[in-house]
N, C-alpha and C. Protein backbone atom coordinates (compact mmCIF):
# COMPACT_ATOMS: atom_id res chain seq x y z
N MET A 1 -68.22 -15.08 -113.13
CA MET A 1 -68.62 -14.59 -114.45
C MET A 1 -70.14 -14.61 -114.59
N SER A 2 -70.74 -15.69 -114.13
CA SER A 2 -72.20 -15.81 -114.23
C SER A 2 -72.91 -14.76 -113.38
N LYS A 3 -72.36 -14.48 -112.18
CA LYS A 3 -72.96 -13.45 -111.33
C LYS A 3 -72.88 -12.08 -111.99
N HIS A 4 -71.73 -11.76 -112.58
CA HIS A 4 -71.57 -10.48 -113.26
C HIS A 4 -72.55 -10.36 -114.43
N ALA A 5 -72.67 -11.42 -115.20
CA ALA A 5 -73.60 -11.41 -116.34
C ALA A 5 -75.04 -11.27 -115.84
N GLY A 6 -75.36 -11.90 -114.71
CA GLY A 6 -76.70 -11.81 -114.16
C GLY A 6 -77.03 -10.40 -113.68
N ILE A 7 -76.07 -9.73 -113.05
CA ILE A 7 -76.30 -8.36 -112.59
C ILE A 7 -76.46 -7.42 -113.79
N ALA A 8 -75.64 -7.62 -114.81
CA ALA A 8 -75.76 -6.80 -116.02
C ALA A 8 -77.12 -6.99 -116.67
N ARG A 9 -77.59 -8.22 -116.70
CA ARG A 9 -78.91 -8.51 -117.30
C ARG A 9 -80.02 -7.89 -116.47
N PHE A 10 -79.94 -8.02 -115.13
CA PHE A 10 -80.95 -7.45 -114.24
C PHE A 10 -81.02 -5.93 -114.40
N THR A 11 -79.86 -5.28 -114.45
CA THR A 11 -79.81 -3.83 -114.58
C THR A 11 -80.40 -3.38 -115.91
N TYR A 12 -80.03 -4.07 -116.97
CA TYR A 12 -80.54 -3.72 -118.30
C TYR A 12 -82.06 -3.87 -118.35
N ASN A 13 -82.57 -4.98 -117.85
CA ASN A 13 -84.02 -5.22 -117.87
C ASN A 13 -84.77 -4.23 -116.98
N TRP A 14 -84.20 -3.89 -115.82
CA TRP A 14 -84.82 -2.88 -114.96
C TRP A 14 -84.89 -1.54 -115.70
N GLY A 15 -83.80 -1.18 -116.35
CA GLY A 15 -83.76 0.08 -117.08
C GLY A 15 -84.76 0.11 -118.22
N LEU A 16 -84.88 -1.01 -118.95
CA LEU A 16 -85.82 -1.07 -120.07
C LEU A 16 -87.26 -0.96 -119.57
N ALA A 17 -87.60 -1.69 -118.51
CA ALA A 17 -88.96 -1.64 -117.96
C ALA A 17 -89.29 -0.25 -117.43
N THR A 18 -88.34 0.38 -116.73
CA THR A 18 -88.57 1.71 -116.19
C THR A 18 -88.70 2.74 -117.30
N TRP A 19 -87.89 2.59 -118.34
CA TRP A 19 -87.95 3.49 -119.51
C TRP A 19 -89.35 3.42 -120.13
N GLN A 20 -89.87 2.22 -120.31
CA GLN A 20 -91.20 2.04 -120.90
C GLN A 20 -92.29 2.67 -120.04
N ASN A 21 -92.20 2.47 -118.72
CA ASN A 21 -93.22 3.01 -117.81
C ASN A 21 -93.21 4.54 -117.82
N LEU A 22 -92.01 5.12 -117.79
CA LEU A 22 -91.91 6.58 -117.81
C LEU A 22 -92.42 7.15 -119.13
N TYR A 23 -92.10 6.48 -120.21
CA TYR A 23 -92.54 6.96 -121.53
C TYR A 23 -94.06 6.89 -121.64
N ASN A 24 -94.64 5.81 -121.14
CA ASN A 24 -96.10 5.67 -121.19
C ASN A 24 -96.81 6.72 -120.32
N ASP A 25 -96.11 7.23 -119.30
CA ASP A 25 -96.68 8.26 -118.43
C ASP A 25 -96.42 9.67 -118.95
N GLY A 26 -95.85 9.76 -120.15
CA GLY A 26 -95.64 11.07 -120.76
C GLY A 26 -94.29 11.70 -120.53
N PHE A 27 -93.35 10.96 -119.92
CA PHE A 27 -92.01 11.50 -119.68
C PHE A 27 -91.05 11.10 -120.81
N LYS A 28 -89.90 11.77 -120.83
CA LYS A 28 -88.87 11.46 -121.81
C LYS A 28 -87.62 10.97 -121.07
N PRO A 29 -87.52 9.68 -120.80
CA PRO A 29 -86.39 9.16 -120.02
C PRO A 29 -85.10 9.11 -120.85
N ASN A 30 -83.99 8.98 -120.17
CA ASN A 30 -82.69 8.78 -120.81
C ASN A 30 -81.82 7.95 -119.89
N LYS A 31 -80.71 7.48 -120.41
CA LYS A 31 -79.86 6.57 -119.65
C LYS A 31 -79.25 7.24 -118.43
N TYR A 32 -79.00 8.55 -118.47
CA TYR A 32 -78.39 9.25 -117.35
C TYR A 32 -79.37 9.34 -116.16
N LEU A 33 -80.62 9.64 -116.46
CA LEU A 33 -81.63 9.72 -115.41
C LEU A 33 -81.85 8.37 -114.75
N LEU A 34 -81.93 7.33 -115.58
CA LEU A 34 -82.16 5.98 -115.04
C LEU A 34 -80.97 5.52 -114.21
N LYS A 35 -79.76 5.78 -114.68
CA LYS A 35 -78.57 5.35 -113.95
C LYS A 35 -78.46 6.04 -112.60
N LYS A 36 -78.77 7.32 -112.55
CA LYS A 36 -78.70 8.06 -111.30
C LYS A 36 -79.72 7.54 -110.30
N PHE A 37 -80.95 7.30 -110.74
CA PHE A 37 -81.99 6.79 -109.85
C PHE A 37 -81.65 5.38 -109.38
N PHE A 38 -81.12 4.56 -110.28
CA PHE A 38 -80.77 3.18 -109.93
C PHE A 38 -79.68 3.16 -108.86
N ASN A 39 -78.65 3.97 -109.02
CA ASN A 39 -77.53 3.98 -108.07
C ASN A 39 -77.95 4.50 -106.70
N ASN A 40 -78.88 5.45 -106.68
CA ASN A 40 -79.26 6.08 -105.41
C ASN A 40 -80.40 5.37 -104.68
N HIS A 41 -81.30 4.74 -105.44
CA HIS A 41 -82.51 4.21 -104.80
C HIS A 41 -82.74 2.71 -105.00
N VAL A 42 -82.19 2.14 -106.04
CA VAL A 42 -82.45 0.73 -106.32
C VAL A 42 -81.28 -0.15 -105.87
N LYS A 43 -80.11 0.22 -106.26
CA LYS A 43 -78.93 -0.58 -105.96
C LYS A 43 -78.73 -0.84 -104.46
N PRO A 44 -78.95 0.16 -103.60
CA PRO A 44 -78.75 -0.09 -102.15
C PRO A 44 -79.69 -1.15 -101.58
N GLU A 45 -80.81 -1.42 -102.23
CA GLU A 45 -81.77 -2.40 -101.72
C GLU A 45 -81.38 -3.84 -102.03
N PHE A 46 -80.42 -4.04 -102.95
CA PHE A 46 -80.04 -5.40 -103.35
C PHE A 46 -78.60 -5.67 -102.93
N GLU A 47 -78.44 -6.37 -101.83
CA GLU A 47 -77.12 -6.66 -101.29
C GLU A 47 -76.29 -7.55 -102.22
N TRP A 48 -76.96 -8.40 -103.00
CA TRP A 48 -76.22 -9.33 -103.86
C TRP A 48 -75.50 -8.61 -105.00
N ILE A 49 -75.93 -7.37 -105.30
CA ILE A 49 -75.21 -6.60 -106.31
C ILE A 49 -73.89 -6.09 -105.75
N LYS A 50 -73.85 -5.88 -104.43
CA LYS A 50 -72.67 -5.29 -103.79
C LYS A 50 -71.79 -6.34 -103.12
N GLU A 51 -71.95 -7.59 -103.50
CA GLU A 51 -71.13 -8.66 -102.90
C GLU A 51 -69.65 -8.43 -103.18
N LYS A 52 -68.83 -8.96 -102.31
CA LYS A 52 -67.39 -8.87 -102.48
C LYS A 52 -66.97 -9.62 -103.74
N GLY A 53 -66.10 -9.01 -104.52
CA GLY A 53 -65.65 -9.63 -105.76
C GLY A 53 -66.49 -9.26 -106.97
N ILE A 54 -67.54 -8.45 -106.77
CA ILE A 54 -68.37 -8.01 -107.88
C ILE A 54 -67.93 -6.61 -108.31
N CYS A 55 -67.60 -6.46 -109.58
CA CYS A 55 -67.19 -5.16 -110.10
C CYS A 55 -68.42 -4.29 -110.28
N GLN A 56 -68.45 -3.13 -109.64
CA GLN A 56 -69.63 -2.27 -109.66
C GLN A 56 -69.78 -1.51 -110.98
N LYS A 57 -68.79 -1.61 -111.86
CA LYS A 57 -68.86 -0.92 -113.13
C LYS A 57 -69.84 -1.57 -114.10
N ILE A 58 -70.24 -2.81 -113.85
CA ILE A 58 -71.09 -3.52 -114.81
C ILE A 58 -72.46 -2.87 -114.94
N THR A 59 -72.97 -2.26 -113.86
CA THR A 59 -74.28 -1.60 -113.96
C THR A 59 -74.18 -0.35 -114.82
N GLN A 60 -73.06 0.33 -114.73
CA GLN A 60 -72.86 1.54 -115.54
C GLN A 60 -72.90 1.20 -117.03
N PHE A 61 -72.19 0.14 -117.41
CA PHE A 61 -72.15 -0.22 -118.82
C PHE A 61 -73.47 -0.84 -119.30
N ALA A 62 -74.24 -1.39 -118.38
CA ALA A 62 -75.56 -1.90 -118.75
C ALA A 62 -76.46 -0.76 -119.22
N PHE A 63 -76.40 0.39 -118.53
CA PHE A 63 -77.17 1.55 -118.94
C PHE A 63 -76.62 2.15 -120.24
N GLU A 64 -75.29 2.09 -120.42
CA GLU A 64 -74.71 2.56 -121.67
C GLU A 64 -75.22 1.72 -122.84
N GLN A 65 -75.29 0.42 -122.63
CA GLN A 65 -75.79 -0.48 -123.67
C GLN A 65 -77.26 -0.21 -123.97
N LEU A 66 -78.04 0.04 -122.93
CA LEU A 66 -79.46 0.34 -123.13
C LEU A 66 -79.63 1.65 -123.89
N GLY A 67 -78.85 2.67 -123.52
CA GLY A 67 -78.92 3.94 -124.22
C GLY A 67 -78.55 3.81 -125.69
N ASP A 68 -77.51 3.01 -125.98
CA ASP A 68 -77.11 2.79 -127.37
C ASP A 68 -78.20 2.06 -128.15
N ALA A 69 -78.88 1.12 -127.50
CA ALA A 69 -79.95 0.38 -128.16
C ALA A 69 -81.09 1.31 -128.54
N PHE A 70 -81.46 2.23 -127.65
CA PHE A 70 -82.53 3.18 -127.97
C PHE A 70 -82.07 4.17 -129.03
N SER A 71 -80.80 4.56 -129.03
CA SER A 71 -80.29 5.47 -130.05
C SER A 71 -80.38 4.84 -131.44
N ARG A 72 -80.03 3.55 -131.53
CA ARG A 72 -80.16 2.85 -132.81
C ARG A 72 -81.61 2.75 -133.25
N PHE A 73 -82.51 2.54 -132.26
CA PHE A 73 -83.93 2.42 -132.58
C PHE A 73 -84.48 3.75 -133.10
N PHE A 74 -84.17 4.86 -132.41
CA PHE A 74 -84.69 6.16 -132.81
C PHE A 74 -84.11 6.63 -134.14
N SER A 75 -82.91 6.19 -134.48
CA SER A 75 -82.29 6.58 -135.75
C SER A 75 -82.66 5.64 -136.89
N GLY A 76 -83.46 4.61 -136.60
CA GLY A 76 -83.89 3.68 -137.63
C GLY A 76 -82.86 2.63 -138.00
N LYS A 77 -81.81 2.49 -137.17
CA LYS A 77 -80.76 1.52 -137.47
C LYS A 77 -80.94 0.19 -136.74
N GLY A 78 -81.98 0.09 -135.92
CA GLY A 78 -82.21 -1.14 -135.16
C GLY A 78 -83.65 -1.21 -134.69
N GLY A 79 -84.03 -2.38 -134.20
CA GLY A 79 -85.38 -2.57 -133.69
C GLY A 79 -85.51 -2.09 -132.26
N TYR A 80 -86.73 -2.18 -131.74
CA TYR A 80 -86.98 -1.75 -130.36
C TYR A 80 -86.26 -2.70 -129.40
N PRO A 81 -85.59 -2.16 -128.38
CA PRO A 81 -84.84 -3.00 -127.43
C PRO A 81 -85.72 -4.07 -126.80
N LYS A 82 -85.14 -5.25 -126.64
CA LYS A 82 -85.86 -6.38 -126.04
C LYS A 82 -85.24 -6.74 -124.69
N PHE A 83 -86.04 -7.36 -123.85
CA PHE A 83 -85.55 -7.81 -122.56
C PHE A 83 -84.58 -8.97 -122.74
N LYS A 84 -83.56 -9.00 -121.91
CA LYS A 84 -82.56 -10.06 -121.96
C LYS A 84 -83.05 -11.28 -121.20
N LYS A 85 -82.70 -12.46 -121.70
CA LYS A 85 -83.05 -13.72 -121.06
C LYS A 85 -81.81 -14.43 -120.57
N LYS A 86 -81.94 -15.09 -119.44
CA LYS A 86 -80.81 -15.80 -118.86
C LYS A 86 -80.36 -16.92 -119.79
N GLY A 87 -79.05 -16.99 -120.00
CA GLY A 87 -78.50 -18.03 -120.85
C GLY A 87 -78.44 -17.67 -122.31
N GLN A 88 -78.96 -16.50 -122.68
CA GLN A 88 -78.91 -16.06 -124.08
C GLN A 88 -78.09 -14.78 -124.18
N HIS A 89 -76.95 -14.90 -124.84
CA HIS A 89 -76.05 -13.75 -125.03
C HIS A 89 -75.63 -13.13 -123.71
N ASP A 90 -75.30 -13.97 -122.73
CA ASP A 90 -74.83 -13.46 -121.44
C ASP A 90 -73.51 -12.70 -121.64
N SER A 91 -73.45 -11.49 -121.09
CA SER A 91 -72.22 -10.70 -121.22
C SER A 91 -72.22 -9.57 -120.21
N PHE A 92 -71.06 -9.00 -119.99
CA PHE A 92 -70.91 -7.83 -119.14
C PHE A 92 -69.62 -7.12 -119.50
N THR A 93 -69.55 -5.85 -119.16
CA THR A 93 -68.38 -5.03 -119.47
C THR A 93 -67.86 -4.40 -118.18
N VAL A 94 -66.54 -4.35 -118.02
CA VAL A 94 -65.91 -3.75 -116.85
C VAL A 94 -64.76 -2.86 -117.30
N ASP A 95 -64.40 -1.91 -116.44
CA ASP A 95 -63.22 -1.10 -116.68
C ASP A 95 -62.49 -0.90 -115.36
N ALA A 96 -61.41 -0.13 -115.41
CA ALA A 96 -60.60 0.10 -114.20
C ALA A 96 -60.70 1.55 -113.77
N GLY A 97 -61.87 2.15 -113.90
CA GLY A 97 -62.05 3.53 -113.47
C GLY A 97 -61.24 4.53 -114.27
N GLY A 98 -61.09 4.26 -115.57
CA GLY A 98 -60.32 5.16 -116.42
C GLY A 98 -58.86 4.81 -116.54
N LYS A 99 -58.36 3.92 -115.72
CA LYS A 99 -56.96 3.51 -115.79
C LYS A 99 -56.78 2.45 -116.88
N PRO A 100 -55.61 2.39 -117.50
CA PRO A 100 -55.39 1.38 -118.54
C PRO A 100 -55.32 -0.03 -117.95
N ILE A 101 -55.83 -0.97 -118.70
CA ILE A 101 -55.82 -2.38 -118.29
C ILE A 101 -54.80 -3.11 -119.16
N PRO A 102 -53.70 -3.59 -118.60
CA PRO A 102 -52.71 -4.31 -119.41
C PRO A 102 -53.20 -5.72 -119.74
N VAL A 103 -52.99 -6.13 -120.98
CA VAL A 103 -53.32 -7.48 -121.42
C VAL A 103 -52.12 -8.04 -122.16
N GLY A 104 -52.12 -9.35 -122.33
CA GLY A 104 -51.02 -9.99 -123.04
C GLY A 104 -50.73 -11.37 -122.48
N GLY A 105 -50.39 -12.30 -123.36
CA GLY A 105 -50.11 -13.66 -122.93
C GLY A 105 -51.40 -14.42 -122.66
N VAL A 106 -51.33 -15.38 -121.77
CA VAL A 106 -52.48 -16.23 -121.48
C VAL A 106 -53.08 -15.94 -120.10
N ARG A 107 -52.74 -14.78 -119.53
CA ARG A 107 -53.34 -14.37 -118.26
C ARG A 107 -53.66 -12.89 -118.32
N VAL A 108 -54.79 -12.51 -117.75
CA VAL A 108 -55.18 -11.11 -117.71
C VAL A 108 -55.85 -10.84 -116.37
N LYS A 109 -55.52 -9.69 -115.77
CA LYS A 109 -56.09 -9.33 -114.48
C LYS A 109 -57.28 -8.40 -114.70
N LEU A 110 -58.48 -8.91 -114.47
CA LEU A 110 -59.69 -8.13 -114.65
C LEU A 110 -59.97 -7.30 -113.40
N PRO A 111 -60.48 -6.09 -113.54
CA PRO A 111 -60.79 -5.26 -112.38
C PRO A 111 -61.71 -5.97 -111.40
N THR A 112 -61.36 -5.98 -110.14
CA THR A 112 -62.12 -6.58 -109.04
C THR A 112 -62.13 -8.11 -109.12
N ILE A 113 -62.34 -8.67 -110.30
CA ILE A 113 -62.45 -10.13 -110.46
C ILE A 113 -61.12 -10.81 -110.18
N GLY A 114 -60.03 -10.22 -110.69
CA GLY A 114 -58.72 -10.81 -110.47
C GLY A 114 -58.18 -11.50 -111.72
N TRP A 115 -57.19 -12.37 -111.50
CA TRP A 115 -56.52 -13.03 -112.62
C TRP A 115 -57.37 -14.14 -113.21
N VAL A 116 -57.40 -14.18 -114.53
CA VAL A 116 -58.07 -15.27 -115.24
C VAL A 116 -57.14 -15.75 -116.35
N LYS A 117 -57.24 -17.02 -116.69
CA LYS A 117 -56.43 -17.59 -117.75
C LYS A 117 -57.23 -17.65 -119.05
N THR A 118 -56.53 -17.53 -120.15
CA THR A 118 -57.16 -17.62 -121.46
C THR A 118 -56.60 -18.82 -122.22
N TYR A 119 -57.42 -19.37 -123.09
CA TYR A 119 -56.99 -20.54 -123.86
C TYR A 119 -55.96 -20.15 -124.90
N GLU A 120 -56.14 -18.99 -125.51
CA GLU A 120 -55.21 -18.50 -126.52
C GLU A 120 -54.49 -17.26 -125.98
N GLY A 121 -53.29 -17.03 -126.49
CA GLY A 121 -52.52 -15.87 -126.08
C GLY A 121 -53.12 -14.56 -126.59
N LEU A 122 -53.10 -13.54 -125.74
CA LEU A 122 -53.62 -12.23 -126.11
C LEU A 122 -52.48 -11.32 -126.56
N PRO A 123 -52.76 -10.37 -127.45
CA PRO A 123 -51.71 -9.43 -127.86
C PRO A 123 -51.28 -8.54 -126.70
N HIS A 124 -50.03 -8.21 -126.64
CA HIS A 124 -49.52 -7.38 -125.56
C HIS A 124 -49.88 -5.92 -125.85
N ALA A 125 -50.81 -5.40 -125.06
CA ALA A 125 -51.29 -4.04 -125.27
C ALA A 125 -52.00 -3.57 -124.00
N THR A 126 -52.60 -2.39 -124.06
CA THR A 126 -53.42 -1.88 -122.98
C THR A 126 -54.78 -1.48 -123.55
N THR A 127 -55.79 -1.56 -122.73
CA THR A 127 -57.14 -1.21 -123.14
C THR A 127 -57.84 -0.48 -122.00
N THR A 128 -58.97 0.15 -122.28
CA THR A 128 -59.69 0.89 -121.26
C THR A 128 -60.83 0.09 -120.65
N LYS A 129 -61.32 -0.91 -121.38
CA LYS A 129 -62.42 -1.74 -120.87
C LYS A 129 -62.41 -3.08 -121.59
N VAL A 130 -63.01 -4.06 -120.96
CA VAL A 130 -63.09 -5.40 -121.55
C VAL A 130 -64.53 -5.89 -121.43
N THR A 131 -64.95 -6.66 -122.42
CA THR A 131 -66.28 -7.25 -122.41
C THR A 131 -66.13 -8.77 -122.36
N ILE A 132 -66.80 -9.38 -121.41
CA ILE A 132 -66.78 -10.83 -121.24
C ILE A 132 -68.14 -11.37 -121.68
N SER A 133 -68.14 -12.35 -122.55
CA SER A 133 -69.39 -12.92 -123.04
C SER A 133 -69.31 -14.44 -123.02
N ARG A 134 -70.48 -15.08 -122.92
CA ARG A 134 -70.53 -16.54 -122.88
C ARG A 134 -71.20 -17.06 -124.14
N ILE A 135 -70.53 -18.01 -124.76
CA ILE A 135 -71.08 -18.73 -125.91
C ILE A 135 -71.04 -20.21 -125.57
N ALA A 136 -72.22 -20.82 -125.49
CA ALA A 136 -72.33 -22.20 -125.01
C ALA A 136 -71.80 -22.25 -123.57
N ASP A 137 -70.76 -23.04 -123.32
CA ASP A 137 -70.21 -23.15 -121.97
C ASP A 137 -68.86 -22.46 -121.84
N ASP A 138 -68.48 -21.67 -122.83
CA ASP A 138 -67.18 -21.01 -122.82
C ASP A 138 -67.35 -19.51 -122.67
N TRP A 139 -66.37 -18.89 -122.00
CA TRP A 139 -66.37 -17.45 -121.82
C TRP A 139 -65.30 -16.84 -122.71
N TYR A 140 -65.63 -15.70 -123.33
CA TYR A 140 -64.72 -15.04 -124.26
C TYR A 140 -64.49 -13.61 -123.82
N ILE A 141 -63.29 -13.12 -124.09
CA ILE A 141 -62.92 -11.75 -123.74
C ILE A 141 -62.72 -10.95 -125.02
N ALA A 142 -63.23 -9.73 -125.03
CA ALA A 142 -63.09 -8.84 -126.18
C ALA A 142 -62.68 -7.46 -125.70
N PHE A 143 -61.79 -6.82 -126.42
CA PHE A 143 -61.34 -5.48 -126.05
C PHE A 143 -60.75 -4.80 -127.28
N ALA A 144 -60.67 -3.50 -127.21
CA ALA A 144 -60.10 -2.70 -128.30
C ALA A 144 -58.76 -2.13 -127.84
N TYR A 145 -57.81 -2.03 -128.75
CA TYR A 145 -56.52 -1.44 -128.43
C TYR A 145 -55.94 -0.79 -129.67
N GLU A 146 -55.05 0.17 -129.47
CA GLU A 146 -54.48 0.92 -130.58
C GLU A 146 -53.29 0.18 -131.18
N VAL A 147 -53.21 0.27 -132.50
CA VAL A 147 -52.09 -0.34 -133.23
C VAL A 147 -51.40 0.75 -134.03
N GLU A 148 -50.10 0.88 -133.88
CA GLU A 148 -49.36 1.88 -134.63
C GLU A 148 -49.13 1.40 -136.05
N THR A 149 -49.46 2.25 -137.00
CA THR A 149 -49.27 1.92 -138.41
C THR A 149 -48.38 2.97 -139.05
N GLU A 150 -47.60 2.54 -140.03
CA GLU A 150 -46.73 3.46 -140.76
C GLU A 150 -47.50 4.08 -141.91
N SER A 151 -47.48 5.39 -141.97
CA SER A 151 -48.17 6.09 -143.05
C SER A 151 -47.25 6.25 -144.25
N THR A 152 -47.81 6.16 -145.44
CA THR A 152 -47.07 6.32 -146.68
C THR A 152 -47.11 7.77 -147.11
N GLN A 153 -45.95 8.38 -147.26
CA GLN A 153 -45.88 9.77 -147.65
C GLN A 153 -46.13 9.91 -149.15
N LYS A 154 -46.97 10.88 -149.53
CA LYS A 154 -47.24 11.14 -150.93
C LYS A 154 -46.14 12.03 -151.49
N PRO A 155 -45.50 11.65 -152.65
CA PRO A 155 -44.46 12.50 -153.23
C PRO A 155 -45.01 13.81 -153.75
N VAL A 156 -46.23 13.78 -154.29
CA VAL A 156 -46.87 15.01 -154.79
C VAL A 156 -48.35 14.95 -154.44
N ASP A 157 -48.98 16.12 -154.38
CA ASP A 157 -50.40 16.20 -154.05
C ASP A 157 -51.28 16.09 -155.29
N VAL A 158 -50.81 16.67 -156.40
CA VAL A 158 -51.61 16.69 -157.63
C VAL A 158 -50.75 16.22 -158.80
N VAL A 159 -51.32 15.40 -159.67
CA VAL A 159 -50.62 14.88 -160.84
C VAL A 159 -51.45 15.18 -162.09
N GLY A 160 -50.80 15.79 -163.10
CA GLY A 160 -51.48 16.05 -164.37
C GLY A 160 -51.34 14.85 -165.30
N VAL A 161 -52.34 14.61 -166.13
CA VAL A 161 -52.35 13.48 -167.05
C VAL A 161 -52.56 14.00 -168.47
N ASP A 162 -51.67 13.57 -169.39
CA ASP A 162 -51.78 13.95 -170.79
C ASP A 162 -51.99 12.69 -171.62
N LEU A 163 -53.17 12.55 -172.22
CA LEU A 163 -53.48 11.38 -173.04
C LEU A 163 -52.96 11.60 -174.45
N GLY A 164 -52.35 10.56 -175.02
CA GLY A 164 -51.78 10.68 -176.35
C GLY A 164 -52.05 9.46 -177.22
N ILE A 165 -51.46 9.47 -178.40
CA ILE A 165 -51.63 8.36 -179.35
C ILE A 165 -50.49 7.37 -179.22
N LYS A 166 -49.26 7.90 -179.25
CA LYS A 166 -48.10 7.03 -179.13
C LYS A 166 -48.02 6.41 -177.75
N GLU A 167 -48.21 7.24 -176.74
CA GLU A 167 -48.24 6.78 -175.36
C GLU A 167 -49.67 6.89 -174.85
N LEU A 168 -50.11 5.88 -174.09
CA LEU A 168 -51.47 5.91 -173.57
C LEU A 168 -51.69 7.12 -172.67
N ALA A 169 -50.71 7.39 -171.78
CA ALA A 169 -50.82 8.53 -170.88
C ALA A 169 -49.43 8.92 -170.40
N THR A 170 -49.25 10.23 -170.20
CA THR A 170 -48.00 10.75 -169.67
C THR A 170 -48.34 11.64 -168.47
N LEU A 171 -47.73 11.33 -167.32
CA LEU A 171 -47.98 12.10 -166.10
C LEU A 171 -47.04 13.28 -166.03
N SER A 172 -47.44 14.29 -165.28
CA SER A 172 -46.61 15.48 -165.10
C SER A 172 -45.33 15.16 -164.35
N THR A 173 -45.30 14.01 -163.69
CA THR A 173 -44.09 13.59 -162.98
C THR A 173 -43.08 12.93 -163.90
N GLY A 174 -43.47 12.73 -165.18
CA GLY A 174 -42.57 12.09 -166.13
C GLY A 174 -42.85 10.63 -166.36
N VAL A 175 -43.73 10.04 -165.58
CA VAL A 175 -44.08 8.63 -165.75
C VAL A 175 -44.98 8.48 -166.97
N THR A 176 -44.67 7.49 -167.83
CA THR A 176 -45.47 7.24 -169.03
C THR A 176 -46.08 5.84 -168.97
N PHE A 177 -47.25 5.71 -169.61
CA PHE A 177 -47.94 4.43 -169.71
C PHE A 177 -48.12 4.11 -171.18
N PRO A 178 -47.45 3.04 -171.67
CA PRO A 178 -47.56 2.70 -173.10
C PRO A 178 -48.95 2.19 -173.44
N ASN A 179 -49.25 2.25 -174.74
CA ASN A 179 -50.53 1.74 -175.20
C ASN A 179 -50.59 0.23 -174.99
N PRO A 180 -51.75 -0.31 -174.76
CA PRO A 180 -51.88 -1.76 -174.57
C PRO A 180 -51.38 -2.53 -175.78
N LYS A 181 -50.76 -3.66 -175.52
CA LYS A 181 -50.27 -4.49 -176.60
C LYS A 181 -51.40 -5.01 -177.47
N ALA A 182 -52.54 -5.23 -176.88
CA ALA A 182 -53.68 -5.73 -177.64
C ALA A 182 -54.05 -4.77 -178.76
N TYR A 183 -53.87 -3.46 -178.49
CA TYR A 183 -54.20 -2.45 -179.50
C TYR A 183 -53.24 -2.56 -180.68
N LYS A 184 -51.93 -2.74 -180.40
CA LYS A 184 -50.94 -2.88 -181.47
C LYS A 184 -51.19 -4.12 -182.29
N LYS A 185 -51.53 -5.23 -181.61
CA LYS A 185 -51.82 -6.47 -182.33
C LYS A 185 -53.02 -6.30 -183.23
N SER A 186 -54.02 -5.58 -182.78
CA SER A 186 -55.22 -5.37 -183.59
C SER A 186 -54.89 -4.54 -184.83
N ILE A 187 -54.02 -3.54 -184.68
CA ILE A 187 -53.63 -2.72 -185.81
C ILE A 187 -52.88 -3.55 -186.85
N GLN A 188 -51.96 -4.40 -186.37
CA GLN A 188 -51.21 -5.26 -187.29
C GLN A 188 -52.11 -6.23 -188.02
N LYS A 189 -53.08 -6.80 -187.29
CA LYS A 189 -54.01 -7.73 -187.93
C LYS A 189 -54.87 -7.01 -188.95
N LEU A 190 -55.28 -5.79 -188.62
CA LEU A 190 -56.09 -5.01 -189.54
C LEU A 190 -55.32 -4.69 -190.81
N LYS A 191 -54.03 -4.41 -190.67
CA LYS A 191 -53.19 -4.14 -191.84
C LYS A 191 -53.09 -5.37 -192.74
N ARG A 192 -52.91 -6.55 -192.13
CA ARG A 192 -52.81 -7.78 -192.93
C ARG A 192 -54.11 -8.07 -193.66
N LEU A 193 -55.21 -7.89 -192.98
CA LEU A 193 -56.51 -8.13 -193.60
C LEU A 193 -56.76 -7.13 -194.73
N SER A 194 -56.33 -5.90 -194.54
CA SER A 194 -56.52 -4.88 -195.56
C SER A 194 -55.73 -5.20 -196.82
N LYS A 195 -54.46 -5.68 -196.62
CA LYS A 195 -53.64 -6.06 -197.78
C LYS A 195 -54.23 -7.26 -198.50
N ALA A 196 -54.70 -8.24 -197.70
CA ALA A 196 -55.29 -9.43 -198.32
C ALA A 196 -56.54 -9.07 -199.10
N LEU A 197 -57.35 -8.18 -198.61
CA LEU A 197 -58.57 -7.76 -199.29
C LEU A 197 -58.22 -7.00 -200.56
N ALA A 198 -57.16 -6.18 -200.50
CA ALA A 198 -56.74 -5.42 -201.69
C ALA A 198 -56.27 -6.35 -202.79
N ARG A 199 -55.47 -7.38 -202.41
CA ARG A 199 -55.00 -8.34 -203.42
C ARG A 199 -56.18 -9.11 -204.03
N LYS A 200 -57.12 -9.49 -203.18
CA LYS A 200 -58.27 -10.24 -203.67
C LYS A 200 -59.11 -9.41 -204.62
N THR A 201 -59.28 -8.12 -204.32
CA THR A 201 -60.05 -7.24 -205.19
C THR A 201 -59.34 -7.03 -206.51
N CYS A 202 -58.01 -6.89 -206.46
CA CYS A 202 -57.22 -6.70 -207.68
C CYS A 202 -57.32 -7.92 -208.59
N MET A 203 -57.25 -9.14 -208.05
CA MET A 203 -57.33 -10.36 -208.84
C MET A 203 -58.70 -10.50 -209.47
N GLN A 204 -59.74 -10.10 -208.74
CA GLN A 204 -61.09 -10.19 -209.28
C GLN A 204 -61.27 -9.21 -210.45
N GLN A 205 -60.64 -8.05 -210.37
CA GLN A 205 -60.75 -7.08 -211.46
C GLN A 205 -60.00 -7.57 -212.69
N GLN A 206 -58.83 -8.20 -212.49
CA GLN A 206 -58.06 -8.72 -213.62
C GLN A 206 -58.78 -9.86 -214.31
N SER A 207 -59.43 -10.73 -213.54
CA SER A 207 -60.11 -11.87 -214.16
C SER A 207 -61.36 -11.45 -214.90
N SER A 208 -61.96 -10.32 -214.48
CA SER A 208 -63.16 -9.86 -215.17
C SER A 208 -62.77 -9.10 -216.44
């Protein structure tokens, strides 16, 4: 896990440094250009990247991450990409070359890496890629998968509303909404106060 995270960090930092140099020289770099040059001219020079048991997809996703970081920066949604440091937010992403990766239970077979155990059970599903990250001394797995949901059918597309006095509202479907009880209570109280005021006024007129 540490080797994979180290290769991902090295690739990302190489891409960021090369991007800066090309930009300063008046060029407009992108993740596709950097990835192609890295695979053809840089990667062959480092045997430790091609060691047995190392998934070669991690360099691809490192450039994807770098490209996304610059996209957020240019759109004003994030700051300028920073170089990664060892031991801080170590992570890497792998896939199975477009094939689905089955997950579920407390064991998962990662591409090239092999079987690993998890502390908690994973949902039984399939995914296209997984991201492994380290927090403190523990490694965590993250992935996306589809969940089937039941949609609620609408009985009608449009409903008309008729506001009234007796009923608060009547829908074109026949559903009615009565007036709030608080309104009826206020009317009754107002009637009692009105009668009491009338009696009081009448008594005052008789006494005068």
